[in-house]
């Protein structure tokens, strides 16, 4: 039987590629975490915006009622 030898260059290349893949995966995980935190913040902002819109509708209705009462009073 003949012995097969793996050149050092192949071993080094595989090690470098593995290290690069791990670094890339770590960076991707950090980006995903950042995006998830932004989405969570936007949910809170969306809820506040919905409440403000409802308050604006209620304020508009109150204003229209007051204006209608003033017009009748003339």
C-alpha atoms as a PDB file:
ATOM      1  CA  UNK A   1       0.000   0.000   0.000  1.00  0.00           C
ATOM      2  CA  UNK A   2       1.089   3.495  -0.696  1.00  0.00           C
ATOM      3  CA  UNK A   3       0.894   6.132   1.935  1.00  0.00           C
ATOM      4  CA  UNK A   4      -0.960   9.288   1.012  1.00  0.00           C
ATOM      5  CA  UNK A   5       0.394  12.455   2.497  1.00  0.00           C
ATOM      6  CA  UNK A   6      -1.644  15.612   2.856  1.00  0.00           C
ATOM      7  CA  UNK A   7       0.418  18.686   2.024  1.00  0.00           C
ATOM      8  CA  UNK A   8       0.789  21.264   4.777  1.00  0.00           C
ATOM      9  CA  UNK A   9      -0.589  23.907   2.440  1.00  0.00           C
ATOM     10  CA  UNK A  10      -3.937  22.089   2.262  1.00  0.00           C
ATOM     11  CA  UNK A  11      -4.091  21.756   6.045  1.00  0.00           C
ATOM     12  CA  UNK A  12      -3.279  25.451   6.514  1.00  0.00           C
ATOM     13  CA  UNK A  13      -5.814  26.461   3.842  1.00  0.00           C
ATOM     14  CA  UNK A  14      -8.586  24.440   5.505  1.00  0.00           C
ATOM     15  CA  UNK A  15      -7.689  25.883   8.911  1.00  0.00           C
ATOM     16  CA  UNK A  16      -7.743  29.448   7.559  1.00  0.00           C
ATOM     17  CA  UNK A  17     -11.080  28.881   5.825  1.00  0.00           C
ATOM     18  CA  UNK A  18     -12.560  27.401   8.998  1.00  0.00           C
ATOM     19  CA  UNK A  19     -11.366  30.370  11.041  1.00  0.00           C
ATOM     20  CA  UNK A  20     -12.792  32.790   8.467  1.00  0.00           C
ATOM     21  CA  UNK A  21     -16.139  30.978   8.517  1.00  0.00           C
ATOM     22  CA  UNK A  22     -16.293  31.166  12.312  1.00  0.00           C
ATOM     23  CA  UNK A  23     -15.453  34.880  12.279  1.00  0.00           C
ATOM     24  CA  UNK A  24     -18.102  35.506   9.610  1.00  0.00           C
ATOM     25  CA  UNK A  25     -20.704  33.559  11.615  1.00  0.00           C
ATOM     26  CA  UNK A  26     -19.883  35.592  14.724  1.00  0.00           C
ATOM     27  CA  UNK A  27     -20.319  38.831  12.789  1.00  0.00           C
ATOM     28  CA  UNK A  28     -23.605  37.612  11.336  1.00  0.00           C
ATOM     29  CA  UNK A  29     -24.861  36.741  14.816  1.00  0.00           C
ATOM     30  CA  UNK A  30     -23.988  40.236  16.040  1.00  0.00           C
ATOM     31  CA  UNK A  31     -25.835  41.832  13.109  1.00  0.00           C
ATOM     32  CA  UNK A  32     -28.884  39.670  13.740  1.00  0.00           C
ATOM     33  CA  UNK A  33     -28.900  40.634  17.420  1.00  0.00           C
ATOM     34  CA  UNK A  34     -28.723  44.314  16.470  1.00  0.00           C
ATOM     35  CA  UNK A  35     -31.627  43.943  14.057  1.00  0.00           C
ATOM     36  CA  UNK A  36     -33.706  42.108  16.645  1.00  0.00           C
ATOM     37  CA  UNK A  37     -33.189  44.904  19.171  1.00  0.00           C
ATOM     38  CA  UNK A  38     -34.185  47.502  16.574  1.00  0.00           C
ATOM     39  CA  UNK A  39     -37.372  45.586  15.777  1.00  0.00           C
ATOM     40  CA  UNK A  40     -38.229  45.448  19.478  1.00  0.00           C
ATOM     41  CA  UNK A  41     -37.745  49.216  19.758  1.00  0.00           C
ATOM     42  CA  UNK A  42     -39.901  49.823  16.689  1.00  0.00           C
ATOM     43  CA  UNK A  43     -42.713  47.755  18.183  1.00  0.00           C
ATOM     44  CA  UNK A  44     -42.784  50.080  21.184  1.00  0.00           C
ATOM     45  CA  UNK A  45     -42.792  53.131  18.927  1.00  0.00           C
ATOM     46  CA  UNK A  46     -45.606  51.656  16.832  1.00  0.00           C
ATOM     47  CA  UNK A  47     -47.711  51.091  19.942  1.00  0.00           C
ATOM     48  CA  UNK A  48     -47.135  54.660  21.114  1.00  0.00           C
ATOM     49  CA  UNK A  49     -48.019  55.968  17.664  1.00  0.00           C
ATOM     50  CA  UNK A  50     -51.269  54.004  17.654  1.00  0.00           C
ATOM     51  CA  UNK A  51     -52.201  55.469  21.048  1.00  0.00           C
ATOM     52  CA  UNK A  52     -51.403  58.987  19.834  1.00  0.00           C
ATOM     53  CA  UNK A  53     -53.529  58.487  16.731  1.00  0.00           C
ATOM     54  CA  UNK A  54     -56.479  57.382  18.857  1.00  0.00           C
ATOM     55  CA  UNK A  55     -56.016  60.384  21.140  1.00  0.00           C
ATOM     56  CA  UNK A  56     -55.976  62.666  18.087  1.00  0.00           C
ATOM     57  CA  UNK A  57     -59.233  61.135  16.841  1.00  0.00           C
ATOM     58  CA  UNK A  58     -60.828  61.655  20.255  1.00  0.00           C
ATOM     59  CA  UNK A  59     -59.522  65.224  20.427  1.00  0.00           C
ATOM     60  CA  UNK A  60     -60.897  65.955  16.951  1.00  0.00           C
ATOM     61  CA  UNK A  61     -64.317  64.583  17.958  1.00  0.00           C
ATOM     62  CA  UNK A  62     -64.336  66.731  21.090  1.00  0.00           C
ATOM     63  CA  UNK A  63     -63.349  69.816  19.119  1.00  0.00           C
ATOM     64  CA  UNK A  64     -66.082  69.216  16.559  1.00  0.00           C
ATOM     65  CA  UNK A  65     -68.626  68.809  19.362  1.00  0.00           C
ATOM     66  CA  UNK A  66     -67.487  72.075  20.962  1.00  0.00           C
ATOM     67  CA  UNK A  67     -67.604  73.905  17.622  1.00  0.00           C
ATOM     68  CA  UNK A  68     -71.095  72.565  16.927  1.00  0.00           C
ATOM     69  CA  UNK A  69     -72.212  73.818  20.349  1.00  0.00           C
ATOM     70  CA  UNK A  70     -70.772  77.263  19.648  1.00  0.00           C
ATOM     71  CA  UNK A  71     -72.516  77.480  16.291  1.00  0.00           C
ATOM     72  CA  UNK A  72     -75.870  76.583  17.879  1.00  0.00           C
ATOM     73  CA  UNK A  73     -75.343  79.215  20.577  1.00  0.00           C
ATOM     74  CA  UNK A  74     -75.206  82.082  18.091  1.00  0.00           C
END
